[in-house]
Amino acid sequence: MNEIIIDSLRVKTWIGVPDAERSGAQEIELDIRIRPARDFAEMQDDIALTVDYAAVCQRVVGLAAERPRRLIETLAQEIGDLILDEFGASSVEVEIRKFILPETRHVAVFLSLPSPLR
């Protein structure tokens, strides 16, 4: 299994159920695991034949900043859909960690999506 792993991407966003929580930007952290459509051996050292992880990070940061959301589940789904739609991955996993409850290190959601074309 070939995967591209983005570990602990820090993103600023406005997210939370209470209005007060969305009143200011907060940092969340993401892990993203992308299974490209091709095996690494087929990529021929050509960036056009793989998933450009720098471009993924840029798009995810932009998506998170586009608008406020109430649920991290919503953002996880939007990120997963974006990666499948725009980067041609065969599957994607997204974990989002939010540092909001003082008695926990973080709360998290995990999403696993296969490509609808596979």
PDB file of N, CA and C in Angstrom:
ATOM      1  N   MET A   1       0.844  -1.173   0.000  1.00  0.00           N
ATOM      2  CA  MET A   1       0.000   0.000   0.000  1.00  0.00           C
ATOM      3  C   MET A   1       0.892   1.240   0.000  1.00  0.00           C
ATOM      4  N   ASN A   2       0.652   2.138  -0.928  1.00  0.00           N
ATOM      5  CA  ASN A   2       1.393   3.388  -1.030  1.00  0.00           C
ATOM      6  C   ASN A   2       0.539   4.514  -0.475  1.00  0.00           C
ATOM      7  N   GLU A   3       1.120   5.305   0.414  1.00  0.00           N
ATOM      8  CA  GLU A   3       0.392   6.431   0.994  1.00  0.00           C
ATOM      9  C   GLU A   3       1.286   7.652   1.072  1.00  0.00           C
ATOM     10  N   ILE A   4       0.665   8.795   0.941  1.00  0.00           N
ATOM     11  CA  ILE A   4       1.312  10.074   1.196  1.00  0.00           C
ATOM     12  C   ILE A   4       0.725  10.560   2.509  1.00  0.00           C
ATOM     13  N   ILE A   5       1.582  10.895   3.461  1.00  0.00           N
ATOM     14  CA  ILE A   5       1.135  11.243   4.806  1.00  0.00           C
ATOM     15  C   ILE A   5       1.506  12.689   5.110  1.00  0.00           C
ATOM     16  N   ILE A   6       0.512  13.455   5.485  1.00  0.00           N
ATOM     17  CA  ILE A   6       0.716  14.821   5.967  1.00  0.00           C
ATOM     18  C   ILE A   6       0.430  14.763   7.462  1.00  0.00           C
ATOM     19  N   ASP A   7       1.444  15.003   8.266  1.00  0.00           N
ATOM     20  CA  ASP A   7       1.362  14.809   9.710  1.00  0.00           C
ATOM     21  C   ASP A   7       1.341  16.152  10.437  1.00  0.00           C
ATOM     22  N   SER A   8       0.300  16.364  11.222  1.00  0.00           N
ATOM     23  CA  SER A   8       0.202  17.519  12.128  1.00  0.00           C
ATOM     24  C   SER A   8       0.206  18.863  11.408  1.00  0.00           C
ATOM     25  N   LEU A   9      -0.553  18.967  10.326  1.00  0.00           N
ATOM     26  CA  LEU A   9      -0.722  20.248   9.633  1.00  0.00           C
ATOM     27  C   LEU A   9      -1.525  21.176  10.541  1.00  0.00           C
ATOM     28  N   ARG A  10      -0.948  22.331  10.864  1.00  0.00           N
ATOM     29  CA  ARG A  10      -1.620  23.306  11.717  1.00  0.00           C
ATOM     30  C   ARG A  10      -2.371  24.306  10.845  1.00  0.00           C
ATOM     31  N   VAL A  11      -3.642  24.500  11.179  1.00  0.00           N
ATOM     32  CA  VAL A  11      -4.540  25.308  10.360  1.00  0.00           C
ATOM     33  C   VAL A  11      -5.321  26.256  11.272  1.00  0.00           C
ATOM     34  N   LYS A  12      -5.482  27.492  10.835  1.00  0.00           N
ATOM     35  CA  LYS A  12      -6.334  28.458  11.548  1.00  0.00           C
ATOM     36  C   LYS A  12      -7.730  28.410  10.940  1.00  0.00           C
ATOM     37  N   THR A  13      -8.734  28.347  11.805  1.00  0.00           N
ATOM     38  CA  THR A  13     -10.115  28.313  11.335  1.00  0.00           C
ATOM     39  C   THR A  13     -11.038  28.846  12.415  1.00  0.00           C
ATOM     40  N   TRP A  14     -12.282  29.060  12.054  1.00  0.00           N
ATOM     41  CA  TRP A  14     -13.325  29.490  12.976  1.00  0.00           C
ATOM     42  C   TRP A  14     -14.306  28.342  13.063  1.00  0.00           C
ATOM     43  N   ILE A  15     -14.284  27.645  14.214  1.00  0.00           N
ATOM     44  CA  ILE A  15     -15.079  26.421  14.302  1.00  0.00           C
ATOM     45  C   ILE A  15     -15.553  26.218  15.731  1.00  0.00           C
ATOM     46  N   GLY A  16     -16.801  25.820  15.871  1.00  0.00           N
ATOM     47  CA  GLY A  16     -17.351  25.540  17.187  1.00  0.00           C
ATOM     48  C   GLY A  16     -18.849  25.738  17.203  1.00  0.00           C
ATOM     49  N   VAL A  17     -19.516  25.053  18.098  1.00  0.00           N
ATOM     50  CA  VAL A  17     -20.967  25.154  18.192  1.00  0.00           C
ATOM     51  C   VAL A  17     -21.390  26.494  18.798  1.00  0.00           C
ATOM     52  N   PRO A  18     -20.833  26.913  19.942  1.00  0.00           N
ATOM     53  CA  PRO A  18     -21.239  28.218  20.486  1.00  0.00           C
ATOM     54  C   PRO A  18     -20.714  29.370  19.613  1.00  0.00           C
ATOM     55  N   ASP A  19     -21.517  30.416  19.484  1.00  0.00           N
ATOM     56  CA  ASP A  19     -21.092  31.589  18.711  1.00  0.00           C
ATOM     57  C   ASP A  19     -19.764  32.136  19.220  1.00  0.00           C
ATOM     58  N   ALA A  20     -19.590  32.156  20.530  1.00  0.00           N
ATOM     59  CA  ALA A  20     -18.364  32.704  21.121  1.00  0.00           C
ATOM     60  C   ALA A  20     -17.128  31.932  20.659  1.00  0.00           C
ATOM     61  N   GLU A  21     -17.286  30.650  20.447  1.00  0.00           N
ATOM     62  CA  GLU A  21     -16.150  29.829  20.007  1.00  0.00           C
ATOM     63  C   GLU A  21     -15.732  30.164  18.574  1.00  0.00           C
ATOM     64  N   ARG A  22     -16.678  30.603  17.780  1.00  0.00           N
ATOM     65  CA  ARG A  22     -16.378  30.974  16.395  1.00  0.00           C
ATOM     66  C   ARG A  22     -16.017  32.447  16.243  1.00  0.00           C
ATOM     67  N   SER A  23     -15.991  33.190  17.342  1.00  0.00           N
ATOM     68  CA  SER A  23     -15.738  34.634  17.251  1.00  0.00           C
ATOM     69  C   SER A  23     -14.281  34.958  16.937  1.00  0.00           C
ATOM     70  N   GLY A  24     -13.394  34.038  17.189  1.00  0.00           N
ATOM     71  CA  GLY A  24     -11.983  34.241  16.868  1.00  0.00           C
ATOM     72  C   GLY A  24     -11.395  32.991  16.248  1.00  0.00           C
ATOM     73  N   ALA A  25     -10.334  33.183  15.499  1.00  0.00           N
ATOM     74  CA  ALA A  25      -9.673  32.027  14.871  1.00  0.00           C
ATOM     75  C   ALA A  25      -9.026  31.158  15.939  1.00  0.00           C
ATOM     76  N   GLN A  26      -9.071  29.867  15.723  1.00  0.00           N
ATOM     77  CA  GLN A  26      -8.371  28.928  16.596  1.00  0.00           C
ATOM     78  C   GLN A  26      -7.559  27.970  15.733  1.00  0.00           C
ATOM     79  N   GLU A  27      -6.501  27.452  16.326  1.00  0.00           N
ATOM     80  CA  GLU A  27      -5.658  26.518  15.590  1.00  0.00           C
ATOM     81  C   GLU A  27      -6.146  25.100  15.837  1.00  0.00           C
ATOM     82  N   ILE A  28      -6.284  24.361  14.749  1.00  0.00           N
ATOM     83  CA  ILE A  28      -6.565  22.936  14.820  1.00  0.00           C
ATOM     84  C   ILE A  28      -5.409  22.214  14.136  1.00  0.00           C
ATOM     85  N   GLU A  29      -5.372  20.911  14.302  1.00  0.00           N
ATOM     86  CA  GLU A  29      -4.274  20.128  13.726  1.00  0.00           C
ATOM     87  C   GLU A  29      -4.864  18.965  12.944  1.00  0.00           C
ATOM     88  N   LEU A  30      -4.275  18.702  11.786  1.00  0.00           N
ATOM     89  CA  LEU A  30      -4.788  17.652  10.905  1.00  0.00           C
ATOM     90  C   LEU A  30      -3.702  16.646  10.548  1.00  0.00           C
ATOM     91  N   ASP A  31      -4.105  15.396  10.471  1.00  0.00           N
ATOM     92  CA  ASP A  31      -3.310  14.346   9.843  1.00  0.00           C
ATOM     93  C   ASP A  31      -4.096  13.890   8.624  1.00  0.00           C
ATOM     94  N   ILE A  32      -3.414  13.793   7.501  1.00  0.00           N
ATOM     95  CA  ILE A  32      -4.069  13.381   6.262  1.00  0.00           C
ATOM     96  C   ILE A  32      -3.251  12.251   5.645  1.00  0.00           C
ATOM     97  N   ARG A  33      -3.920  11.161   5.323  1.00  0.00           N
ATOM     98  CA  ARG A  33      -3.287  10.024   4.646  1.00  0.00           C
ATOM     99  C   ARG A  33      -3.968   9.873   3.296  1.00  0.00           C
ATOM    100  N   ILE A  34      -3.174   9.970   2.249  1.00  0.00           N
ATOM    101  CA  ILE A  34      -3.704   9.937   0.888  1.00  0.00           C
ATOM    102  C   ILE A  34      -3.135   8.728   0.162  1.00  0.00           C
ATOM    103  N   ARG A  35      -4.010   7.939  -0.414  1.00  0.00           N
ATOM    104  CA  ARG A  35      -3.561   6.841  -1.267  1.00  0.00           C
ATOM    105  C   ARG A  35      -3.674   7.326  -2.713  1.00  0.00           C
ATOM    106  N   PRO A  36      -2.528   7.525  -3.385  1.00  0.00           N
ATOM    107  CA  PRO A  36      -2.588   8.002  -4.771  1.00  0.00           C
ATOM    108  C   PRO A  36      -3.165   6.937  -5.701  1.00  0.00           C
ATOM    109  N   ALA A  37      -3.632   7.392  -6.845  1.00  0.00           N
ATOM    110  CA  ALA A  37      -4.229   6.485  -7.831  1.00  0.00           C
ATOM    111  C   ALA A  37      -3.193   5.541  -8.438  1.00  0.00           C
ATOM    112  N   ARG A  38      -1.927   5.943  -8.439  1.00  0.00           N
ATOM    113  CA  ARG A  38      -0.846   5.114  -9.006  1.00  0.00           C
ATOM    114  C   ARG A  38       0.066   4.603  -7.891  1.00  0.00           C
ATOM    115  N   ASP A  39       0.661   3.444  -8.120  1.00  0.00           N
ATOM    116  CA  ASP A  39       1.724   2.972  -7.241  1.00  0.00           C
ATOM    117  C   ASP A  39       2.937   3.869  -7.416  1.00  0.00           C
ATOM    118  N   PHE A  40       3.744   3.972  -6.376  1.00  0.00           N
ATOM    119  CA  PHE A  40       4.943   4.808  -6.452  1.00  0.00           C
ATOM    120  C   PHE A  40       5.837   4.399  -7.620  1.00  0.00           C
ATOM    121  N   ALA A  41       5.916   3.107  -7.911  1.00  0.00           N
ATOM    122  CA  ALA A  41       6.771   2.620  -8.997  1.00  0.00           C
ATOM    123  C   ALA A  41       6.329   3.135 -10.363  1.00  0.00           C
ATOM    124  N   GLU A  42       5.073   3.518 -10.495  1.00  0.00           N
ATOM    125  CA  GLU A  42       4.539   4.011 -11.770  1.00  0.00           C
ATOM    126  C   GLU A  42       4.737   5.514 -11.967  1.00  0.00           C
ATOM    127  N   MET A  43       5.235   6.212 -10.968  1.00  0.00           N
ATOM    128  CA  MET A  43       5.269   7.677 -11.021  1.00  0.00           C
ATOM    129  C   MET A  43       6.437   8.256 -11.800  1.00  0.00           C
ATOM    130  N   GLN A  44       7.428   7.475 -12.086  1.00  0.00           N
ATOM    131  CA  GLN A  44       8.543   7.869 -12.954  1.00  0.00           C
ATOM    132  C   GLN A  44       9.200   9.186 -12.532  1.00  0.00           C
ATOM    133  N   ASP A  45       9.237   9.439 -11.220  1.00  0.00           N
ATOM    134  CA  ASP A  45       9.873  10.653 -10.695  1.00  0.00           C
ATOM    135  C   ASP A  45       9.245  11.922 -11.273  1.00  0.00           C
ATOM    136  N   ASP A  46       7.933  11.875 -11.538  1.00  0.00           N
ATOM    137  CA  ASP A  46       7.207  12.980 -12.173  1.00  0.00           C
ATOM    138  C   ASP A  46       6.109  13.475 -11.229  1.00  0.00           C
ATOM    139  N   ILE A  47       6.210  14.715 -10.780  1.00  0.00           N
ATOM    140  CA  ILE A  47       5.234  15.287  -9.848  1.00  0.00           C
ATOM    141  C   ILE A  47       3.820  15.259 -10.420  1.00  0.00           C
ATOM    142  N   ALA A  48       3.682  15.329 -11.719  1.00  0.00           N
ATOM    143  CA  ALA A  48       2.356  15.321 -12.347  1.00  0.00           C
ATOM    144  C   ALA A  48       1.655  13.969 -12.200  1.00  0.00           C
ATOM    145  N   LEU A  49       2.401  12.920 -11.862  1.00  0.00           N
ATOM    146  CA  LEU A  49       1.825  11.584 -11.742  1.00  0.00           C
ATOM    147  C   LEU A  49       1.508  11.190 -10.300  1.00  0.00           C
ATOM    148  N   THR A  50       1.692  12.113  -9.365  1.00  0.00           N
ATOM    149  CA  THR A  50       1.425  11.825  -7.963  1.00  0.00           C
ATOM    150  C   THR A  50       0.491  12.879  -7.392  1.00  0.00           C
ATOM    151  N   VAL A  51       0.302  12.837  -6.095  1.00  0.00           N
ATOM    152  CA  VAL A  51      -0.464  13.859  -5.382  1.00  0.00           C
ATOM    153  C   VAL A  51       0.544  14.847  -4.807  1.00  0.00           C
ATOM    154  N   ASP A  52       0.457  16.078  -5.218  1.00  0.00           N
ATOM    155  CA  ASP A  52       1.370  17.132  -4.771  1.00  0.00           C
ATOM    156  C   ASP A  52       0.981  17.539  -3.349  1.00  0.00           C
ATOM    157  N   TYR A  53       1.726  17.062  -2.360  1.00  0.00           N
ATOM    158  CA  TYR A  53       1.339  17.306  -0.968  1.00  0.00           C
ATOM    159  C   TYR A  53       1.421  18.774  -0.584  1.00  0.00           C
ATOM    160  N   ALA A  54       2.308  19.546  -1.207  1.00  0.00           N
ATOM    161  CA  ALA A  54       2.359  20.987  -0.933  1.00  0.00           C
ATOM    162  C   ALA A  54       1.072  21.660  -1.413  1.00  0.00           C
ATOM    163  N   ALA A  55       0.587  21.258  -2.578  1.00  0.00           N
ATOM    164  CA  ALA A  55      -0.671  21.804  -3.101  1.00  0.00           C
ATOM    165  C   ALA A  55      -1.850  21.382  -2.226  1.00  0.00           C
ATOM    166  N   VAL A  56      -1.829  20.146  -1.726  1.00  0.00           N
ATOM    167  CA  VAL A  56      -2.886  19.691  -0.819  1.00  0.00           C
ATOM    168  C   VAL A  56      -2.911  20.576   0.425  1.00  0.00           C
ATOM    169  N   CYS A  57      -1.749  20.799   1.023  1.00  0.00           N
ATOM    170  CA  CYS A  57      -1.683  21.626   2.234  1.00  0.00           C
ATOM    171  C   CYS A  57      -2.213  23.027   1.968  1.00  0.00           C
ATOM    172  N   GLN A  58      -1.818  23.606   0.857  1.00  0.00           N
ATOM    173  CA  GLN A  58      -2.270  24.952   0.507  1.00  0.00           C
ATOM    174  C   GLN A  58      -3.794  24.994   0.351  1.00  0.00           C
ATOM    175  N   ARG A  59      -4.364  24.023  -0.321  1.00  0.00           N
ATOM    176  CA  ARG A  59      -5.823  23.983  -0.518  1.00  0.00           C
ATOM    177  C   ARG A  59      -6.569  23.749   0.792  1.00  0.00           C
ATOM    178  N   VAL A  60      -6.022  22.889   1.658  1.00  0.00           N
ATOM    179  CA  VAL A  60      -6.670  22.609   2.940  1.00  0.00           C
ATOM    180  C   VAL A  60      -6.656  23.853   3.830  1.00  0.00           C
ATOM    181  N   VAL A  61      -5.527  24.545   3.884  1.00  0.00           N
ATOM    182  CA  VAL A  61      -5.440  25.782   4.666  1.00  0.00           C
ATOM    183  C   VAL A  61      -6.459  26.797   4.143  1.00  0.00           C
ATOM    184  N   GLY A  62      -6.546  26.939   2.829  1.00  0.00           N
ATOM    185  CA  GLY A  62      -7.507  27.859   2.227  1.00  0.00           C
ATOM    186  C   GLY A  62      -8.951  27.468   2.507  1.00  0.00           C
ATOM    187  N   LEU A  63      -9.251  26.184   2.392  1.00  0.00           N
ATOM    188  CA  LEU A  63     -10.603  25.697   2.655  1.00  0.00           C
ATOM    189  C   LEU A  63     -11.007  25.976   4.100  1.00  0.00           C
ATOM    190  N   ALA A  64     -10.119  25.702   5.033  1.00  0.00           N
ATOM    191  CA  ALA A  64     -10.423  25.910   6.451  1.00  0.00           C
ATOM    192  C   ALA A  64     -10.705  27.379   6.757  1.00  0.00           C
ATOM    193  N   ALA A  65     -10.058  28.278   6.028  1.00  0.00           N
ATOM    194  CA  ALA A  65     -10.210  29.715   6.274  1.00  0.00           C
ATOM    195  C   ALA A  65     -11.388  30.335   5.526  1.00  0.00           C
ATOM    196  N   GLU A  66     -12.015  29.593   4.617  1.00  0.00           N
ATOM    197  CA  GLU A  66     -13.081  30.155   3.773  1.00  0.00           C
ATOM    198  C   GLU A  66     -14.280  30.671   4.541  1.00  0.00           C
ATOM    199  N   ARG A  67     -14.698  29.934   5.583  1.00  0.00           N
ATOM    200  CA  ARG A  67     -15.918  30.317   6.297  1.00  0.00           C
ATOM    201  C   ARG A  67     -15.948  29.630   7.658  1.00  0.00           C
ATOM    202  N   PRO A  68     -16.708  30.192   8.591  1.00  0.00           N
ATOM    203  CA  PRO A  68     -16.876  29.515   9.884  1.00  0.00           C
ATOM    204  C   PRO A  68     -17.724  28.250   9.729  1.00  0.00           C
ATOM    205  N   ARG A  69     -17.470  27.303  10.615  1.00  0.00           N
ATOM    206  CA  ARG A  69     -18.257  26.064  10.670  1.00  0.00           C
ATOM    207  C   ARG A  69     -18.541  25.743  12.127  1.00  0.00           C
ATOM    208  N   ARG A  70     -19.608  25.031  12.353  1.00  0.00           N
ATOM    209  CA  ARG A  70     -19.936  24.604  13.715  1.00  0.00           C
ATOM    210  C   ARG A  70     -19.206  23.307  14.089  1.00  0.00           C
ATOM    211  N   LEU A  71     -19.098  22.378  13.153  1.00  0.00           N
ATOM    212  CA  LEU A  71     -18.605  21.034  13.475  1.00  0.00           C
ATOM    213  C   LEU A  71     -17.284  20.721  12.777  1.00  0.00           C
ATOM    214  N   ILE A  72     -16.361  20.095  13.521  1.00  0.00           N
ATOM    215  CA  ILE A  72     -15.135  19.622  12.877  1.00  0.00           C
ATOM    216  C   ILE A  72     -15.451  18.460  11.936  1.00  0.00           C
ATOM    217  N   GLU A  73     -16.553  17.780  12.177  1.00  0.00           N
ATOM    218  CA  GLU A  73     -16.986  16.717  11.275  1.00  0.00           C
ATOM    219  C   GLU A  73     -17.263  17.266   9.871  1.00  0.00           C
ATOM    220  N   THR A  74     -17.861  18.453   9.821  1.00  0.00           N
ATOM    221  CA  THR A  74     -18.148  19.100   8.534  1.00  0.00           C
ATOM    222  C   THR A  74     -16.858  19.409   7.796  1.00  0.00           C
ATOM    223  N   LEU A  75     -15.895  19.975   8.505  1.00  0.00           N
ATOM    224  CA  LEU A  75     -14.616  20.309   7.879  1.00  0.00           C
ATOM    225  C   LEU A  75     -13.892  19.048   7.414  1.00  0.00           C
ATOM    226  N   ALA A  76     -13.924  17.987   8.202  1.00  0.00           N
ATOM    227  CA  ALA A  76     -13.280  16.728   7.798  1.00  0.00           C
ATOM    228  C   ALA A  76     -13.876  16.211   6.491  1.00  0.00           C
ATOM    229  N   GLN A  77     -15.198  16.238   6.379  1.00  0.00           N
ATOM    230  CA  GLN A  77     -15.861  15.776   5.152  1.00  0.00           C
ATOM    231  C   GLN A  77     -15.469  16.649   3.967  1.00  0.00           C
ATOM    232  N   GLU A  78     -15.449  17.966   4.161  1.00  0.00           N
ATOM    233  CA  GLU A  78     -15.083  18.877   3.074  1.00  0.00           C
ATOM    234  C   GLU A  78     -13.640  18.649   2.617  1.00  0.00           C
ATOM    235  N   ILE A  79     -12.744  18.411   3.555  1.00  0.00           N
ATOM    236  CA  ILE A  79     -11.343  18.150   3.205  1.00  0.00           C
ATOM    237  C   ILE A  79     -11.230  16.834   2.436  1.00  0.00           C
ATOM    238  N   GLY A  80     -11.882  15.790   2.932  1.00  0.00           N
ATOM    239  CA  GLY A  80     -11.846  14.504   2.234  1.00  0.00           C
ATOM    240  C   GLY A  80     -12.386  14.604   0.821  1.00  0.00           C
ATOM    241  N   ASP A  81     -13.525  15.272   0.670  1.00  0.00           N
ATOM    242  CA  ASP A  81     -14.116  15.443  -0.659  1.00  0.00           C
ATOM    243  C   ASP A  81     -13.195  16.236  -1.580  1.00  0.00           C
ATOM    244  N   LEU A  82     -12.590  17.294  -1.057  1.00  0.00           N
ATOM    245  CA  LEU A  82     -11.678  18.127  -1.852  1.00  0.00           C
ATOM    246  C   LEU A  82     -10.505  17.299  -2.378  1.00  0.00           C
ATOM    247  N   ILE A  83      -9.906  16.488  -1.523  1.00  0.00           N
ATOM    248  CA  ILE A  83      -8.736  15.702  -1.929  1.00  0.00           C
ATOM    249  C   ILE A  83      -9.119  14.668  -2.985  1.00  0.00           C
ATOM    250  N   LEU A  84     -10.256  14.018  -2.801  1.00  0.00           N
ATOM    251  CA  LEU A  84     -10.692  13.048  -3.813  1.00  0.00           C
ATOM    252  C   LEU A  84     -11.034  13.734  -5.126  1.00  0.00           C
ATOM    253  N   ASP A  85     -11.726  14.865  -5.055  1.00  0.00           N
ATOM    254  CA  ASP A  85     -12.183  15.561  -6.266  1.00  0.00           C
ATOM    255  C   ASP A  85     -11.054  16.245  -7.025  1.00  0.00           C
ATOM    256  N   GLU A  86     -10.175  16.931  -6.306  1.00  0.00           N
ATOM    257  CA  GLU A  86      -9.170  17.766  -6.966  1.00  0.00           C
ATOM    258  C   GLU A  86      -7.830  17.084  -7.194  1.00  0.00           C
ATOM    259  N   PHE A  87      -7.539  16.040  -6.420  1.00  0.00           N
ATOM    260  CA  PHE A  87      -6.207  15.448  -6.506  1.00  0.00           C
ATOM    261  C   PHE A  87      -6.215  14.002  -6.979  1.00  0.00           C
ATOM    262  N   GLY A  88      -7.374  13.470  -7.316  1.00  0.00           N
ATOM    263  CA  GLY A  88      -7.460  12.152  -7.929  1.00  0.00           C
ATOM    264  C   GLY A  88      -6.952  11.012  -7.073  1.00  0.00           C
ATOM    265  N   ALA A  89      -7.084  11.134  -5.761  1.00  0.00           N
ATOM    266  CA  ALA A  89      -6.636  10.068  -4.870  1.00  0.00           C
ATOM    267  C   ALA A  89      -7.597   8.885  -4.946  1.00  0.00           C
ATOM    268  N   SER A  90      -7.092   7.697  -4.625  1.00  0.00           N
ATOM    269  CA  SER A  90      -7.976   6.532  -4.598  1.00  0.00           C
ATOM    270  C   SER A  90      -8.677   6.399  -3.252  1.00  0.00           C
ATOM    271  N   SER A  91      -8.101   6.993  -2.208  1.00  0.00           N
ATOM    272  CA  SER A  91      -8.773   7.074  -0.909  1.00  0.00           C
ATOM    273  C   SER A  91      -8.058   8.119  -0.065  1.00  0.00           C
ATOM    274  N   VAL A  92      -8.740   8.551   0.986  1.00  0.00           N
ATOM    275  CA  VAL A  92      -8.162   9.550   1.880  1.00  0.00           C
ATOM    276  C   VAL A  92      -8.679   9.311   3.293  1.00  0.00           C
ATOM    277  N   GLU A  93      -7.814   9.577   4.255  1.00  0.00           N
ATOM    278  CA  GLU A  93      -8.200   9.566   5.666  1.00  0.00           C
ATOM    279  C   GLU A  93      -7.822  10.918   6.247  1.00  0.00           C
ATOM    280  N   VAL A  94      -8.725  11.473   7.043  1.00  0.00           N
ATOM    281  CA  VAL A  94      -8.501  12.781   7.649  1.00  0.00           C
ATOM    282  C   VAL A  94      -8.792  12.669   9.140  1.00  0.00           C
ATOM    283  N   GLU A  95      -7.853  13.098   9.955  1.00  0.00           N
ATOM    284  CA  GLU A  95      -8.096  13.248  11.390  1.00  0.00           C
ATOM    285  C   GLU A  95      -7.907  14.713  11.727  1.00  0.00           C
ATOM    286  N   ILE A  96      -8.872  15.280  12.439  1.00  0.00           N
ATOM    287  CA  ILE A  96      -8.783  16.668  12.888  1.00  0.00           C
ATOM    288  C   ILE A  96      -8.782  16.673  14.409  1.00  0.00           C
ATOM    289  N   ARG A  97      -7.807  17.379  14.979  1.00  0.00           N
ATOM    290  CA  ARG A  97      -7.714  17.538  16.424  1.00  0.00           C
ATOM    291  C   ARG A  97      -7.995  18.993  16.792  1.00  0.00           C
ATOM    292  N   LYS A  98      -8.822  19.156  17.807  1.00  0.00           N
ATOM    293  CA  LYS A  98      -9.220  20.485  18.274  1.00  0.00           C
ATOM    294  C   LYS A  98      -8.850  20.582  19.749  1.00  0.00           C
ATOM    295  N   PHE A  99      -8.254  21.684  20.122  1.00  0.00           N
ATOM    296  CA  PHE A  99      -7.714  21.858  21.474  1.00  0.00           C
ATOM    297  C   PHE A  99      -8.617  22.821  22.247  1.00  0.00           C
ATOM    298  N   ILE A 100      -9.782  22.340  22.632  1.00  0.00           N
ATOM    299  CA  ILE A 100     -10.791  23.227  23.199  1.00  0.00           C
ATOM    300  C   ILE A 100     -11.161  22.886  24.642  1.00  0.00           C
ATOM    301  N   LEU A 101     -11.150  21.629  25.011  1.00  0.00           N
ATOM    302  CA  LEU A 101     -11.544  21.245  26.367  1.00  0.00           C
ATOM    303  C   LEU A 101     -10.316  21.210  27.271  1.00  0.00           C
ATOM    304  N   PRO A 102     -10.310  21.996  28.340  1.00  0.00           N
ATOM    305  CA  PRO A 102      -9.110  22.090  29.176  1.00  0.00           C
ATOM    306  C   PRO A 102      -8.730  20.779  29.864  1.00  0.00           C
ATOM    307  N   GLU A 103      -9.691  19.898  30.069  1.00  0.00           N
ATOM    308  CA  GLU A 103      -9.382  18.642  30.753  1.00  0.00           C
ATOM    309  C   GLU A 103      -8.916  17.536  29.802  1.00  0.00           C
ATOM    310  N   THR A 104      -8.760  17.857  28.515  1.00  0.00           N
ATOM    311  CA  THR A 104      -8.261  16.884  27.545  1.00  0.00           C
ATOM    312  C   THR A 104      -7.081  17.473  26.777  1.00  0.00           C
ATOM    313  N   ARG A 105      -6.261  16.613  26.233  1.00  0.00           N
ATOM    314  CA  ARG A 105      -5.195  17.082  25.340  1.00  0.00           C
ATOM    315  C   ARG A 105      -5.810  17.620  24.056  1.00  0.00           C
ATOM    316  N   HIS A 106      -6.811  16.891  23.537  1.00  0.00           N
ATOM    317  CA  HIS A 106      -7.558  17.329  22.361  1.00  0.00           C
ATOM    318  C   HIS A 106      -8.792  16.450  22.199  1.00  0.00           C
ATOM    319  N   VAL A 107      -9.707  16.915  21.367  1.00  0.00           N
ATOM    320  CA  VAL A 107     -10.799  16.077  20.874  1.00  0.00           C
ATOM    321  C   VAL A 107     -10.537  15.900  19.386  1.00  0.00           C
ATOM    322  N   ALA A 108     -11.056  14.822  18.805  1.00  0.00           N
ATOM    323  CA  ALA A 108     -10.723  14.546  17.408  1.00  0.00           C
ATOM    324  C   ALA A 108     -11.878  13.858  16.703  1.00  0.00           C
ATOM    325  N   VAL A 109     -11.875  14.007  15.380  1.00  0.00           N
ATOM    326  CA  VAL A 109     -12.738  13.214  14.508  1.00  0.00           C
ATOM    327  C   VAL A 109     -11.848  12.549  13.469  1.00  0.00           C
ATOM    328  N   PHE A 110     -12.302  11.414  12.985  1.00  0.00           N
ATOM    329  CA  PHE A 110     -11.565  10.663  11.974  1.00  0.00           C
ATOM    330  C   PHE A 110     -12.532  10.294  10.860  1.00  0.00           C
ATOM    331  N   LEU A 111     -12.109  10.531   9.620  1.00  0.00           N
ATOM    332  CA  LEU A 111     -12.922  10.237   8.439  1.00  0.00           C
ATOM    333  C   LEU A 111     -12.093   9.405   7.469  1.00  0.00           C
ATOM    334  N   SER A 112     -12.688   8.371   6.916  1.00  0.00           N
ATOM    335  CA  SER A 112     -12.041   7.549   5.897  1.00  0.00           C
ATOM    336  C   SER A 112     -12.972   7.477   4.692  1.00  0.00           C
ATOM    337  N   LEU A 113     -12.459   7.898   3.527  1.00  0.00           N
ATOM    338  CA  LEU A 113     -13.272   7.919   2.312  1.00  0.00           C
ATOM    339  C   LEU A 113     -12.576   7.191   1.168  1.00  0.00           C
ATOM    340  N   PRO A 114     -13.267   6.268   0.527  1.00  0.00           N
ATOM    341  CA  PRO A 114     -12.761   5.731  -0.739  1.00  0.00           C
ATOM    342  C   PRO A 114     -13.175   6.667  -1.863  1.00  0.00           C
ATOM    343  N   SER A 115     -12.468   6.622  -2.953  1.00  0.00           N
ATOM    344  CA  SER A 115     -12.877   7.392  -4.119  1.00  0.00           C
ATOM    345  C   SER A 115     -14.178   6.816  -4.658  1.00  0.00           C
ATOM    346  N   PRO A 116     -15.141   7.658  -5.020  1.00  0.00           N
ATOM    347  CA  PRO A 116     -16.385   7.129  -5.587  1.00  0.00           C
ATOM    348  C   PRO A 116     -16.179   6.456  -6.945  1.00  0.00           C
ATOM    349  N   LEU A 117     -15.027   6.686  -7.572  1.00  0.00           N
ATOM    350  CA  LEU A 117     -14.749   6.097  -8.885  1.00  0.00           C
ATOM    351  C   LEU A 117     -14.085   4.739  -8.784  1.00  0.00           C
ATOM    352  N   ARG A 118     -13.734   4.309  -7.596  1.00  0.00           N
ATOM    353  CA  ARG A 118     -13.007   3.052  -7.415  1.00  0.00           C
ATOM    354  C   ARG A 118     -13.940   1.964  -6.945  1.00  0.00           C
TER     355      ARG A 118
END
